[in-house]
Amino acid sequence: MEPSGQGSAGNVIAAICSFVIPGLGQLVQGRLLIAVIMFLLAGLLWIVWLGWLIHLWSILDAALWKRR
């Protein structure tokens, strides 16, 4: 298992960050565009109670991301 792959300490920390604020984990990983997209989508969708979907996606994406 490579150090920046699934289950790495960095990805676990990123997933925890995304748990607190959607997109924060992606920002910690240096992925600014997807971080902004997830943050905005979650904020907009929380208005209609669907923000939890983006919030969950943000957490999973941060946890499972592999550096290329």
Protein backbone atom coordinates (compact mmCIF):
# COMPACT_ATOMS: atom_id res chain seq x y z
CA MET A 1 0.00 0.00 0.00
CA GLU A 2 1.46 3.35 -0.97
CA PRO A 3 1.64 6.10 1.66
CA SER A 4 -0.76 8.46 -0.14
CA GLY A 5 -3.34 5.82 -1.05
CA GLN A 6 -6.52 4.56 0.51
CA GLY A 7 -6.32 4.15 4.25
CA SER A 8 -3.24 6.33 4.62
CA ALA A 9 -3.02 8.68 7.59
CA GLY A 10 -3.35 11.67 5.24
CA ASN A 11 -6.57 10.36 3.77
CA VAL A 12 -8.00 9.56 7.20
CA ILE A 13 -7.25 13.11 8.33
CA ALA A 14 -8.77 14.47 5.10
CA ALA A 15 -11.91 12.37 5.64
CA ILE A 16 -12.25 13.70 9.19
CA CYS A 17 -11.85 17.26 7.87
CA SER A 18 -14.59 16.61 5.30
CA PHE A 19 -16.78 15.21 8.05
CA VAL A 20 -16.55 18.56 9.82
CA ILE A 21 -16.89 20.74 6.70
CA PRO A 22 -17.69 19.29 3.26
CA GLY A 23 -14.76 19.91 0.91
CA LEU A 24 -12.23 20.67 3.65
CA GLY A 25 -10.59 17.27 3.21
CA GLN A 26 -10.13 17.90 -0.50
CA LEU A 27 -8.64 21.29 0.33
CA VAL A 28 -6.19 19.62 2.75
CA GLN A 29 -5.22 17.29 -0.10
CA GLY A 30 -4.55 20.27 -2.36
CA ARG A 31 -7.59 19.77 -4.62
CA LEU A 32 -9.01 23.29 -4.62
CA LEU A 33 -11.58 22.99 -7.43
CA ILE A 34 -13.36 19.88 -6.12
CA ALA A 35 -13.18 21.33 -2.58
CA VAL A 36 -15.04 24.47 -3.67
CA ILE A 37 -17.56 22.44 -5.68
CA MET A 38 -18.35 20.13 -2.76
CA PHE A 39 -18.59 23.00 -0.28
CA LEU A 40 -20.97 24.98 -2.49
CA LEU A 41 -23.09 21.96 -3.46
CA ALA A 42 -23.45 20.86 0.15
CA GLY A 43 -24.40 24.38 1.21
CA LEU A 44 -27.00 24.72 -1.53
CA LEU A 45 -28.46 21.26 -1.04
CA TRP A 46 -28.72 21.59 2.75
CA ILE A 47 -31.46 24.10 2.01
CA VAL A 48 -33.62 21.22 0.72
CA TRP A 49 -32.24 18.64 3.19
CA LEU A 50 -30.16 16.82 0.57
CA GLY A 51 -26.84 18.29 1.63
CA TRP A 52 -26.05 15.13 3.56
CA LEU A 53 -25.55 13.37 0.20
CA ILE A 54 -22.78 15.75 -0.83
CA HIS A 55 -21.42 15.71 2.72
CA LEU A 56 -21.15 11.91 2.58
CA TRP A 57 -19.65 12.02 -0.92
CA SER A 58 -17.06 14.52 0.32
CA ILE A 59 -16.03 12.25 3.20
CA LEU A 60 -15.77 9.14 1.01
CA ASP A 61 -13.92 10.97 -1.76
CA ALA A 62 -11.32 12.27 0.69
CA ALA A 63 -10.88 8.85 2.27
CA LEU A 64 -10.57 6.90 -0.98
CA TRP A 65 -8.55 9.36 -3.11
CA LYS A 66 -5.31 8.11 -4.66
CA ARG A 67 -2.57 10.46 -5.80
CA ARG A 68 -1.59 9.83 -9.43
